[in-house]
Amino acid sequence: MNTQHATLHEDEELSELSRDLLTLWDETLQEVSVDTSPANKAWFRDTFITTFAAGTITVGAPSIFVRDYLRDKFGTAILRILREKEPGVRGVNFSVTHRTPPNQAERIEKEKMRARTPSAVIPLDEYYVDRSDNLNPKYQFESFVVGPFNQLAHAAAKAVVERPGIVYNPLFIYGQTGHGKTHLTQAVGNSLKKRGLKVFYVTSERFAVDYFNAIQSGNANKFKDTYRAYDAIIIDDIQFLSYKDKTQEELFHLFNAFHDLNKQIVFSSDIHPALLEGLEDRLRSRFNQGMIIDIPKPDLESRTAIISAKLAHRGISLDDNIVAFIAKSLDGNIRELEGMLNSVIIQSEVAGKPLSYEAVKGIVEVSLKPRTTLSVRDIVEKIAKLYNLTIEDLHKKTRQKDIMRPRQLIMYILREDFQISFPNIGAAMGGRDHSTVIHSCERIKEDLKTDETLPREINRIRDLFR
C-alpha cells in the first residue's frame, strides 16, 4: 500500500484505497483468528479499518466496550500483523464507529472531513507499558477502588506520593496474587512521575538479570550509576530474590544509597518479609525501617464496589442481583473477578441484550467448574498430555528443553490460574523446592514480554480448562 495515499484529494484514489483497506483488514482478521477461540472471534464483528493516515491505521468498533477490549487484548497482535503486511504502517488507533454502508460520494465526503478534523482517538501506545520506566499508565489512583480490605495500603501509598522519601520509606506492600498490589504500586509510580520525579518500576527477577549481565560484561559501575540516577524505584515480587546472595548484596547497597538521599523505595511481595526464606537479615531489617502493609483478599462489600466501578467505567449496567451474585461467587482474586465480568459482558454484547440472572449464573458456574472439580494432578496430567508427556517425564531431573519448558508452563498455570501454593506445586512436580517453582513462574512472566508466540501457547493450555 502506498503511504502517499494517506491524504487523498481525488475520488479515484480514494476508491482504490478503500478496497485495499477492506482486503487488508480481512487478511488481518484471518491471521488473528487462527489462535482465537470462537467466543473471542465475536469481538471482531462489525469492525473495519476506517482510515490510513500518516502511517497510522484506525480501526472502527461498534461500542466503547468492544473498542477497549480489542485495544487491550489484541492491539499488539493486530499491529504486528499489519506491519508484516504493510511496511508503511507505524501505529494503530481504535475508535468507536458505527458501520453504515455509505455510497461512494458519502464516503469521499467523510474522508475529506476527517482530513480537516483533528483526531480525538487516543494512541494505542498510551495503553501499554512505557519502556523507559516500565509503568503502565492505566494504573492510577483514580481507578483504584478503595474498600475496607485495602484502605490502609491505599492511605500509605497516597502519603508516599505526598512526601516521597520522607514518610514510609521503604513502603512494603504484600498480599496474594490478584489483590491489587501491582495496581497500587504502579499508581504510586505514575503519580510520582506526574510530579516530575524520575521513576523506575522493575521486577526483582529483571533486577537480578540486569545485575548478572552487568557483572558478566564488566559494567557493574554502569549498573550502579543507572539505578542510582532514579528518584524513586519500585521493585515488584521481591520474594524472587530468595537465596540470590550477590543480588541481595547489591540491593542492600542500592537501598542505603536511596535512603541516605531521601529517595523513595517501594517493594511488593506475596508474603510478609519476615516469612521470606533465603533473605539476608540485614536486608530484612531495612524492610522493617518503613511501613509494611498487607492487602488481604477483598470482602464482599469491596468486591461489589469493584464490579460496579468496572461496569461504570465501561458504560455497562447490570441488575443489582446479578452484580451481587458475581461478587459472592468469587471471594479472593480481583483478576478473576474482572475475568468473570468480561465473560458476562462479552456474551451480553454477542447476544445484543442484557443477560438474565439464570444466564449469568450458568456462565459463572461453568467458569468455576474446573477449579472445584479438578485436582492438581488432574491439571498436570491434562497439560502434560498436550505435550505428549507423562507425569513421570515431568518428574525427571533433566534440563532437556522439550520437558523443562512444559514443566515451567505447568507451574505457571498452577500458580496464576489456580492459585496453588508454591510448596504444593513443587510437590506435584516431583518434590521440587519452592524456590525452583518461583523461578520457573518468573521465567515465564519475563518471556511473555519478549516472546510473541508464548501468549498463544498459554491460551492453548487455558483452553483445556474452559
Protein backbone atom coordinates (compact mmCIF):
# COMPACT_ATOMS: atom_id res chain seq x y z
CA MET A 1 0.00 0.00 0.00
CA ASN A 2 1.36 3.41 -0.93
CA THR A 3 1.63 5.66 2.12
CA GLN A 4 1.27 8.67 -0.17
CA HIS A 5 -2.44 7.80 -0.27
CA ALA A 6 -2.74 8.82 3.41
CA THR A 7 -4.29 12.18 2.46
CA LEU A 8 -6.48 11.89 -0.59
CA HIS A 9 -7.93 14.52 -2.87
CA GLU A 10 -9.01 12.53 -5.89
CA ASP A 11 -12.09 10.29 -5.88
CA GLU A 12 -10.38 7.62 -7.95
CA GLU A 13 -7.51 7.27 -5.48
CA LEU A 14 -9.89 7.08 -2.52
CA SER A 15 -11.95 4.33 -4.13
CA GLU A 16 -8.83 2.26 -4.75
CA LEU A 17 -7.58 2.76 -1.18
CA SER A 18 -10.95 1.84 0.32
CA ARG A 19 -10.90 -1.51 -1.46
CA ASP A 20 -7.32 -2.07 -0.26
CA LEU A 21 -8.27 -1.37 3.35
CA LEU A 22 -11.14 -3.85 3.22
CA THR A 23 -8.82 -6.53 1.89
CA LEU A 24 -6.09 -5.66 4.38
CA TRP A 25 -8.49 -5.94 7.34
CA ASP A 26 -9.96 -9.23 6.10
CA GLU A 27 -6.46 -10.71 5.79
CA THR A 28 -5.51 -9.39 9.24
CA LEU A 29 -8.60 -10.93 10.85
CA GLN A 30 -7.84 -14.27 9.21
CA GLU A 31 -4.44 -14.36 10.91
CA VAL A 32 -5.76 -13.12 14.26
CA SER A 33 -8.49 -15.78 14.27
CA VAL A 34 -6.05 -18.68 13.89
CA ASP A 35 -5.32 -18.74 17.63
CA THR A 36 -8.58 -17.19 18.79
CA SER A 37 -11.48 -19.06 20.38
CA PRO A 38 -14.97 -18.81 18.80
CA ALA A 39 -16.11 -16.58 21.67
CA ASN A 40 -13.24 -14.15 21.08
CA LYS A 41 -13.92 -14.04 17.34
CA ALA A 42 -17.24 -12.37 18.13
CA TRP A 43 -15.31 -9.29 19.25
CA PHE A 44 -14.36 -8.55 15.64
CA ARG A 45 -17.92 -8.46 14.37
CA ASP A 46 -18.71 -5.08 12.75
CA THR A 47 -15.09 -3.90 12.93
CA PHE A 48 -13.26 -2.40 9.97
CA ILE A 49 -10.43 -0.06 9.04
CA THR A 50 -11.78 3.47 8.81
CA THR A 51 -8.64 5.36 7.79
CA PHE A 52 -4.97 5.05 6.98
CA ALA A 53 -3.27 8.40 7.56
CA ALA A 54 0.34 9.38 8.32
CA GLY A 55 1.29 5.76 8.80
CA THR A 56 -1.50 5.07 11.31
CA ILE A 57 -4.35 2.63 10.81
CA THR A 58 -7.60 3.49 12.61
CA VAL A 59 -9.87 0.53 13.38
CA GLY A 60 -13.55 1.23 13.95
CA ALA A 61 -15.50 -0.70 16.61
CA PRO A 62 -19.26 -0.65 17.33
CA SER A 63 -19.02 0.31 21.04
CA ILE A 64 -16.70 1.70 23.70
CA PHE A 65 -16.51 -1.68 25.40
CA VAL A 66 -15.53 -3.53 22.22
CA ARG A 67 -13.02 -0.81 21.36
CA ASP A 68 -11.32 -1.05 24.76
CA TYR A 69 -11.26 -4.85 24.72
CA LEU A 70 -9.76 -5.06 21.23
CA ARG A 71 -7.19 -2.40 22.06
CA ASP A 72 -6.07 -4.02 25.32
CA LYS A 73 -6.22 -7.72 24.35
CA PHE A 74 -5.47 -7.79 20.64
CA GLY A 75 -3.82 -4.42 19.95
CA THR A 76 -0.25 -5.71 19.91
CA ALA A 77 -1.07 -8.71 17.70
CA ILE A 78 -3.05 -6.57 15.24
CA LEU A 79 -0.24 -4.03 14.95
CA ARG A 80 2.34 -6.75 14.37
CA ILE A 81 0.28 -8.38 11.60
CA LEU A 82 -0.46 -5.06 9.90
CA ARG A 83 3.23 -4.16 9.93
CA GLU A 84 4.10 -7.50 8.37
CA LYS A 85 1.58 -6.94 5.58
CA GLU A 86 2.21 -3.23 5.07
CA PRO A 87 5.67 -1.85 6.00
CA GLY A 88 4.25 1.67 5.89
CA VAL A 89 2.07 1.02 8.95
CA ARG A 90 3.63 2.52 12.09
CA GLY A 91 0.75 2.54 14.54
CA VAL A 92 -2.85 1.53 15.23
CA ASN A 93 -5.69 3.51 16.81
CA PHE A 94 -9.09 2.20 17.86
CA SER A 95 -12.22 4.34 17.72
CA VAL A 96 -15.98 3.91 18.14
CA THR A 97 -17.53 4.00 14.68
CA HIS A 98 -20.95 2.60 13.86
CA ARG A 99 -20.76 0.98 10.48
CA THR A 100 -23.27 2.14 7.89
CA PRO A 101 -22.63 1.22 4.26
CA PRO A 102 -22.35 4.68 2.63
CA ASN A 103 -22.33 5.22 -1.09
CA GLN A 104 -19.08 6.36 -2.68
CA ALA A 105 -19.90 10.06 -2.61
CA GLU A 106 -20.75 9.93 1.10
CA ARG A 107 -17.53 8.02 1.83
CA ILE A 108 -15.43 10.59 -0.05
CA GLU A 109 -17.04 13.45 1.84
CA LYS A 110 -16.43 11.73 5.18
CA GLU A 111 -12.77 11.15 4.32
CA LYS A 112 -12.38 14.84 3.46
CA MET A 113 -14.00 15.80 6.78
CA ARG A 114 -11.62 13.51 8.67
CA ALA A 115 -8.64 15.10 6.90
CA ARG A 116 -9.76 18.54 8.16
CA THR A 117 -10.73 17.45 11.69
CA PRO A 118 -8.05 16.57 14.27
CA SER A 119 -8.44 13.01 15.53
CA ALA A 120 -9.50 12.60 19.17
CA VAL A 121 -8.55 8.94 19.22
CA ILE A 122 -6.13 8.01 21.99
CA PRO A 123 -2.99 6.34 20.60
CA LEU A 124 -2.64 2.64 21.29
CA ASP A 125 0.83 3.16 22.79
CA GLU A 126 -0.64 5.06 25.76
CA TYR A 127 -2.23 1.85 26.95
CA TYR A 128 0.94 -0.14 27.10
CA VAL A 129 3.97 -0.11 29.32
CA ASP A 130 6.30 2.86 28.92
CA ARG A 131 9.61 1.13 28.16
CA SER A 132 11.62 3.96 29.74
CA ASP A 133 10.22 3.34 33.23
CA ASN A 134 8.10 0.15 32.90
CA LEU A 135 4.99 1.99 34.14
CA ASN A 136 1.56 1.27 32.70
CA PRO A 137 -0.49 4.50 32.51
CA LYS A 138 -3.77 2.66 33.10
CA TYR A 139 -2.83 2.09 36.75
CA GLN A 140 -3.91 5.29 38.50
CA PHE A 141 -5.25 6.12 41.98
CA GLU A 142 -8.44 7.39 40.32
CA SER A 143 -9.29 3.89 39.08
CA PHE A 144 -8.23 2.11 42.28
CA VAL A 145 -11.31 1.01 44.20
CA VAL A 146 -10.81 1.56 47.93
CA GLY A 147 -12.53 -0.73 50.43
CA PRO A 148 -12.07 -1.97 53.99
CA PHE A 149 -9.57 -4.59 52.82
CA ASN A 150 -7.11 -2.16 51.19
CA GLN A 151 -7.87 1.15 52.88
CA LEU A 152 -4.68 1.23 54.94
CA ALA A 153 -2.45 0.31 51.98
CA HIS A 154 -4.12 2.99 49.86
CA ALA A 155 -3.64 5.64 52.55
CA ALA A 156 0.04 4.75 52.94
CA ALA A 157 0.59 4.85 49.18
CA LYS A 158 -1.04 8.30 48.95
CA ALA A 159 1.14 9.53 51.82
CA VAL A 160 4.24 8.37 49.96
CA VAL A 161 3.20 10.39 46.92
CA GLU A 162 2.66 13.49 49.05
CA ARG A 163 6.04 13.22 50.81
CA PRO A 164 8.26 10.86 48.81
CA GLY A 165 11.36 9.64 50.60
CA ILE A 166 10.23 11.15 53.91
CA VAL A 167 7.33 9.03 55.15
CA TYR A 168 7.10 5.25 54.85
CA ASN A 169 10.47 4.72 53.21
CA PRO A 170 10.51 1.97 52.19
CA LEU A 171 6.86 1.16 51.58
CA PHE A 172 6.47 -2.63 51.54
CA ILE A 173 3.13 -3.99 50.30
CA TYR A 174 2.40 -7.71 50.40
CA GLY A 175 -0.57 -9.92 49.56
CA GLN A 176 -1.61 -12.82 47.37
CA THR A 177 -1.93 -12.67 43.59
CA GLY A 178 -4.84 -10.58 42.37
CA HIS A 179 -5.30 -8.45 45.49
CA GLY A 180 -4.25 -5.20 43.79
CA LYS A 181 -0.55 -4.84 44.66
CA THR A 182 0.52 -4.10 41.09
CA HIS A 183 -2.20 -1.51 40.58
CA LEU A 184 -1.33 0.30 43.81
CA THR A 185 2.46 0.29 43.42
CA GLN A 186 2.22 1.41 39.80
CA ALA A 187 -0.24 4.13 40.81
CA VAL A 188 2.44 5.40 43.17
CA GLY A 189 4.94 5.37 40.31
CA ASN A 190 2.62 7.16 37.88
CA SER A 191 1.75 9.82 40.48
CA LEU A 192 5.41 10.47 41.32
CA LYS A 193 6.14 10.63 37.60
CA LYS A 194 3.50 13.35 37.18
CA ARG A 195 5.27 15.33 39.88
CA GLY A 196 8.44 15.31 37.80
CA LEU A 197 10.34 12.54 39.58
CA LYS A 198 12.37 10.03 37.63
CA VAL A 199 10.75 6.69 38.49
CA PHE A 200 11.64 3.12 37.57
CA TYR A 201 9.47 0.03 38.05
CA VAL A 202 11.20 -3.36 37.82
CA THR A 203 10.56 -6.95 38.85
CA SER A 204 13.11 -8.48 41.20
CA GLU A 205 13.92 -11.08 38.54
CA ARG A 206 14.67 -8.35 35.99
CA PHE A 207 16.81 -6.55 38.55
CA ALA A 208 18.76 -9.77 39.17
CA VAL A 209 19.21 -10.41 35.45
CA ASP A 210 20.39 -6.85 34.83
CA TYR A 211 22.91 -7.17 37.64
CA PHE A 212 24.17 -10.55 36.43
CA ASN A 213 24.58 -9.26 32.86
CA ALA A 214 26.42 -6.17 34.15
CA ILE A 215 28.86 -8.33 36.11
CA GLN A 216 29.42 -10.65 33.15
CA SER A 217 30.14 -7.76 30.80
CA GLY A 218 32.26 -5.82 33.27
CA ASN A 219 29.74 -2.97 33.54
CA ALA A 220 28.99 -3.19 37.26
CA ASN A 221 29.63 0.52 37.78
CA LYS A 222 27.32 1.46 34.93
CA PHE A 223 24.60 -0.71 36.51
CA LYS A 224 25.04 1.12 39.83
CA ASP A 225 25.01 4.54 38.17
CA THR A 226 21.92 3.73 36.11
CA TYR A 227 19.82 2.60 39.06
CA ARG A 228 21.04 5.31 41.43
CA ALA A 229 20.10 8.03 38.96
CA TYR A 230 16.39 7.46 39.69
CA ASP A 231 14.42 9.48 42.24
CA ALA A 232 12.18 6.55 43.10
CA ILE A 233 12.37 2.84 42.46
CA ILE A 234 9.63 0.20 42.69
CA ILE A 235 10.70 -3.45 42.89
CA ASP A 236 7.92 -5.99 42.40
CA ASP A 237 7.82 -9.60 43.66
CA ILE A 238 10.81 -9.24 45.96
CA GLN A 239 10.36 -12.86 47.06
CA PHE A 240 12.13 -13.99 43.90
CA LEU A 241 15.43 -12.71 45.27
CA SER A 242 15.46 -15.53 47.84
CA TYR A 243 18.88 -17.22 48.01
CA LYS A 244 20.38 -14.82 45.44
CA ASP A 245 23.11 -13.57 47.77
CA LYS A 246 25.06 -11.39 45.33
CA THR A 247 21.93 -9.67 44.03
CA GLN A 248 20.71 -9.12 47.59
CA GLU A 249 24.03 -7.51 48.45
CA GLU A 250 23.70 -5.11 45.51
CA LEU A 251 20.12 -4.30 46.52
CA PHE A 252 21.31 -3.63 50.07
CA HIS A 253 23.81 -1.04 48.86
CA LEU A 254 21.25 0.49 46.48
CA PHE A 255 18.78 0.71 49.36
CA ASN A 256 21.29 2.55 51.53
CA ALA A 257 22.13 4.98 48.72
CA PHE A 258 18.45 5.77 48.16
CA HIS A 259 17.63 6.06 51.84
CA ASP A 260 20.53 8.40 52.55
CA LEU A 261 19.33 10.77 49.82
CA ASN A 262 15.63 10.55 50.80
CA LYS A 263 14.77 8.82 47.54
CA GLN A 264 11.60 6.72 47.65
CA ILE A 265 11.71 2.92 47.62
CA VAL A 266 8.64 0.68 47.16
CA PHE A 267 8.63 -3.11 47.41
CA SER A 268 5.94 -5.72 46.87
CA SER A 269 5.80 -9.40 47.74
CA ASP A 270 3.28 -12.19 48.09
CA ILE A 271 4.17 -12.72 51.77
CA HIS A 272 5.43 -10.71 54.75
CA PRO A 273 9.22 -10.13 54.59
CA ALA A 274 9.63 -11.89 57.95
CA LEU A 275 8.44 -15.10 56.26
CA LEU A 276 10.69 -14.83 53.21
CA GLU A 277 13.19 -17.68 53.16
CA GLY A 278 16.72 -17.16 51.89
CA LEU A 279 16.71 -13.44 52.68
CA GLU A 280 19.67 -11.76 54.39
CA ASP A 281 18.90 -10.40 57.85
CA ARG A 282 20.41 -7.01 57.07
CA LEU A 283 18.07 -6.62 54.08
CA ARG A 284 15.10 -7.82 56.10
CA SER A 285 15.90 -5.17 58.73
CA ARG A 286 15.91 -2.48 56.04
CA PHE A 287 12.41 -3.51 55.00
CA ASN A 288 11.29 -3.07 58.61
CA GLN A 289 12.52 0.54 58.66
CA GLY A 290 9.48 1.78 56.78
CA MET A 291 5.85 0.65 56.53
CA ILE A 292 4.86 -2.97 55.89
CA ILE A 293 1.22 -3.36 54.87
CA ASP A 294 -0.88 -6.35 53.93
CA ILE A 295 -3.58 -6.31 51.25
CA PRO A 296 -5.83 -9.23 52.22
CA LYS A 297 -8.49 -10.69 49.97
CA PRO A 298 -11.37 -8.27 49.28
CA ASP A 299 -14.52 -8.58 51.37
CA LEU A 300 -17.97 -8.92 49.77
CA GLU A 301 -18.70 -5.20 50.03
CA SER A 302 -15.43 -4.36 48.30
CA ARG A 303 -15.92 -6.96 45.57
CA THR A 304 -19.35 -5.49 44.84
CA ALA A 305 -17.86 -1.99 44.67
CA ILE A 306 -15.09 -3.17 42.32
CA ILE A 307 -17.61 -4.75 39.95
CA SER A 308 -19.77 -1.61 39.99
CA ALA A 309 -16.75 0.58 39.25
CA LYS A 310 -15.63 -1.62 36.35
CA LEU A 311 -19.14 -1.56 34.87
CA ALA A 312 -19.40 2.22 35.22
CA HIS A 313 -16.03 2.68 33.53
CA ARG A 314 -17.25 0.68 30.54
CA GLY A 315 -20.68 2.27 30.42
CA ILE A 316 -22.41 -1.05 31.14
CA SER A 317 -25.23 -1.69 33.60
CA LEU A 318 -26.26 -4.96 35.24
CA ASP A 319 -29.07 -5.68 37.68
CA ASP A 320 -28.05 -5.43 41.32
CA ASN A 321 -28.88 -9.09 41.94
CA ILE A 322 -26.52 -10.14 39.11
CA VAL A 323 -23.73 -7.95 40.49
CA ALA A 324 -24.29 -9.46 43.94
CA PHE A 325 -24.21 -12.99 42.55
CA ILE A 326 -20.89 -12.44 40.75
CA ALA A 327 -19.40 -10.82 43.87
CA LYS A 328 -20.43 -13.77 46.03
CA SER A 329 -19.16 -16.35 43.54
CA LEU A 330 -15.51 -15.24 43.66
CA ASP A 331 -14.09 -14.40 47.04
CA GLY A 332 -10.39 -13.72 46.63
CA ASN A 333 -8.80 -12.73 43.34
CA ILE A 334 -9.66 -9.38 41.75
CA ARG A 335 -8.23 -10.54 38.43
CA GLU A 336 -10.59 -13.50 38.46
CA LEU A 337 -13.42 -11.12 39.26
CA GLU A 338 -12.55 -8.96 36.25
CA GLY A 339 -12.21 -12.03 34.03
CA MET A 340 -15.64 -13.27 35.08
CA LEU A 341 -17.11 -9.83 34.45
CA ASN A 342 -15.54 -9.77 30.98
CA SER A 343 -17.15 -13.12 30.15
CA VAL A 344 -20.57 -11.86 31.20
CA ILE A 345 -20.26 -8.59 29.29
CA ILE A 346 -18.97 -10.09 26.03
CA GLN A 347 -21.73 -12.68 25.97
CA SER A 348 -24.22 -9.90 26.57
CA GLU A 349 -22.66 -7.96 23.65
CA VAL A 350 -22.87 -11.02 21.41
CA ALA A 351 -26.50 -11.62 22.38
CA GLY A 352 -27.30 -7.96 21.76
CA LYS A 353 -29.18 -7.62 25.05
CA PRO A 354 -28.59 -7.78 28.81
CA LEU A 355 -28.26 -11.33 30.14
CA SER A 356 -30.77 -12.76 32.56
CA TYR A 357 -29.85 -13.83 36.07
CA GLU A 358 -30.05 -17.50 35.04
CA ALA A 359 -27.78 -16.94 32.04
CA VAL A 360 -25.16 -15.22 34.19
CA LYS A 361 -25.43 -17.97 36.78
CA GLY A 362 -24.73 -20.53 34.06
CA ILE A 363 -21.64 -18.63 32.85
CA VAL A 364 -20.27 -18.34 36.38
CA GLU A 365 -20.88 -21.98 37.24
CA VAL A 366 -19.22 -23.23 34.05
CA SER A 367 -16.22 -20.96 34.62
CA LEU A 368 -15.80 -22.09 38.21
CA LYS A 369 -16.24 -25.79 37.48
CA PRO A 370 -12.58 -26.57 36.60
CA ARG A 371 -11.38 -25.07 39.87
CA THR A 372 -13.80 -27.04 42.01
CA THR A 373 -13.63 -30.43 40.31
CA LEU A 374 -10.03 -30.76 39.15
CA SER A 375 -7.23 -31.85 41.42
CA VAL A 376 -3.68 -30.60 40.94
CA ARG A 377 -2.79 -33.99 39.47
CA ASP A 378 -5.70 -33.70 37.00
CA ILE A 379 -4.44 -30.32 35.83
CA VAL A 380 -0.87 -31.56 35.45
CA GLU A 381 -1.98 -34.65 33.51
CA LYS A 382 -4.16 -32.63 31.10
CA ILE A 383 -1.35 -30.20 30.26
CA ALA A 384 1.27 -32.96 30.06
CA LYS A 385 -0.91 -34.83 27.56
CA LEU A 386 -0.97 -31.71 25.38
CA TYR A 387 2.82 -32.02 25.08
CA ASN A 388 2.76 -35.83 24.74
CA LEU A 389 4.42 -36.18 28.14
CA THR A 390 3.63 -38.22 31.22
CA ILE A 391 3.82 -37.12 34.84
CA GLU A 392 6.88 -39.35 35.16
CA ASP A 393 8.54 -37.36 32.34
CA LEU A 394 7.91 -34.11 34.20
CA HIS A 395 9.38 -35.53 37.41
CA LYS A 396 12.70 -36.32 35.74
CA LYS A 397 15.67 -34.21 36.82
CA THR A 398 16.59 -33.03 33.36
CA ARG A 399 17.10 -29.70 31.61
CA GLN A 400 16.02 -31.16 28.29
CA LYS A 401 14.06 -28.30 26.70
CA ASP A 402 11.08 -30.35 25.50
CA ILE A 403 10.49 -31.38 29.12
CA MET A 404 11.75 -28.37 31.07
CA ARG A 405 9.65 -25.81 29.17
CA PRO A 406 6.30 -27.62 29.59
CA ARG A 407 7.18 -28.14 33.25
CA GLN A 408 7.72 -24.39 33.70
CA LEU A 409 4.44 -23.65 31.94
CA ILE A 410 2.56 -26.09 34.16
CA MET A 411 3.99 -24.42 37.27
CA TYR A 412 2.99 -21.02 35.89
CA ILE A 413 -0.59 -22.11 35.14
CA LEU A 414 -0.99 -23.79 38.54
CA ARG A 415 0.10 -20.58 40.24
CA GLU A 416 -1.53 -17.91 38.07
CA ASP A 417 -4.79 -19.62 37.15
CA PHE A 418 -5.43 -21.91 40.11
CA GLN A 419 -3.59 -20.10 42.93
CA ILE A 420 -1.86 -23.28 44.11
CA SER A 421 0.82 -22.59 46.72
CA PHE A 422 4.47 -22.81 45.71
CA PRO A 423 5.21 -25.76 48.04
CA ASN A 424 2.21 -27.71 46.69
CA ILE A 425 3.26 -27.04 43.12
CA GLY A 426 6.75 -28.25 43.94
CA ALA A 427 5.33 -31.43 45.46
CA ALA A 428 3.20 -32.04 42.37
CA MET A 429 6.23 -31.63 40.12
CA GLY A 430 8.28 -34.38 41.71
CA GLY A 431 9.22 -32.84 45.04
CA ARG A 432 10.93 -29.73 43.71
CA ASP A 433 11.89 -26.92 46.06
CA HIS A 434 9.55 -23.92 46.22
CA SER A 435 12.36 -21.62 45.06
CA THR A 436 12.57 -23.65 41.83
CA VAL A 437 8.83 -23.13 41.33
CA ILE A 438 9.16 -19.39 41.97
CA HIS A 439 12.00 -19.14 39.46
CA SER A 440 10.02 -21.07 36.82
CA CYS A 441 6.96 -18.84 37.20
CA GLU A 442 9.08 -15.71 36.99
CA ARG A 443 10.87 -17.04 33.93
CA ILE A 444 7.56 -17.43 32.08
CA LYS A 445 6.49 -13.92 33.13
CA GLU A 446 9.70 -12.48 31.75
CA ASP A 447 9.47 -14.46 28.49
CA LEU A 448 5.92 -13.22 27.96
CA LYS A 449 7.36 -9.73 27.49
CA THR A 450 9.51 -10.71 24.52
CA ASP A 451 8.21 -13.98 23.05
CA GLU A 452 5.26 -13.20 20.77
CA THR A 453 4.32 -16.88 20.39
CA LEU A 454 4.17 -17.62 24.12
CA PRO A 455 0.78 -15.95 24.80
CA ARG A 456 -0.79 -18.15 22.13
CA GLU A 457 0.77 -21.25 23.70
CA ILE A 458 -0.56 -20.30 27.13
CA ASN A 459 -4.02 -19.64 25.69
CA ARG A 460 -3.89 -23.10 24.12
CA ILE A 461 -3.28 -24.54 27.60
CA ARG A 462 -6.02 -22.45 29.16
CA ASP A 463 -8.49 -23.65 26.53
CA LEU A 464 -8.18 -27.09 28.17
CA PHE A 465 -9.99 -25.76 31.22
CA ARG A 466 -12.60 -23.51 29.64
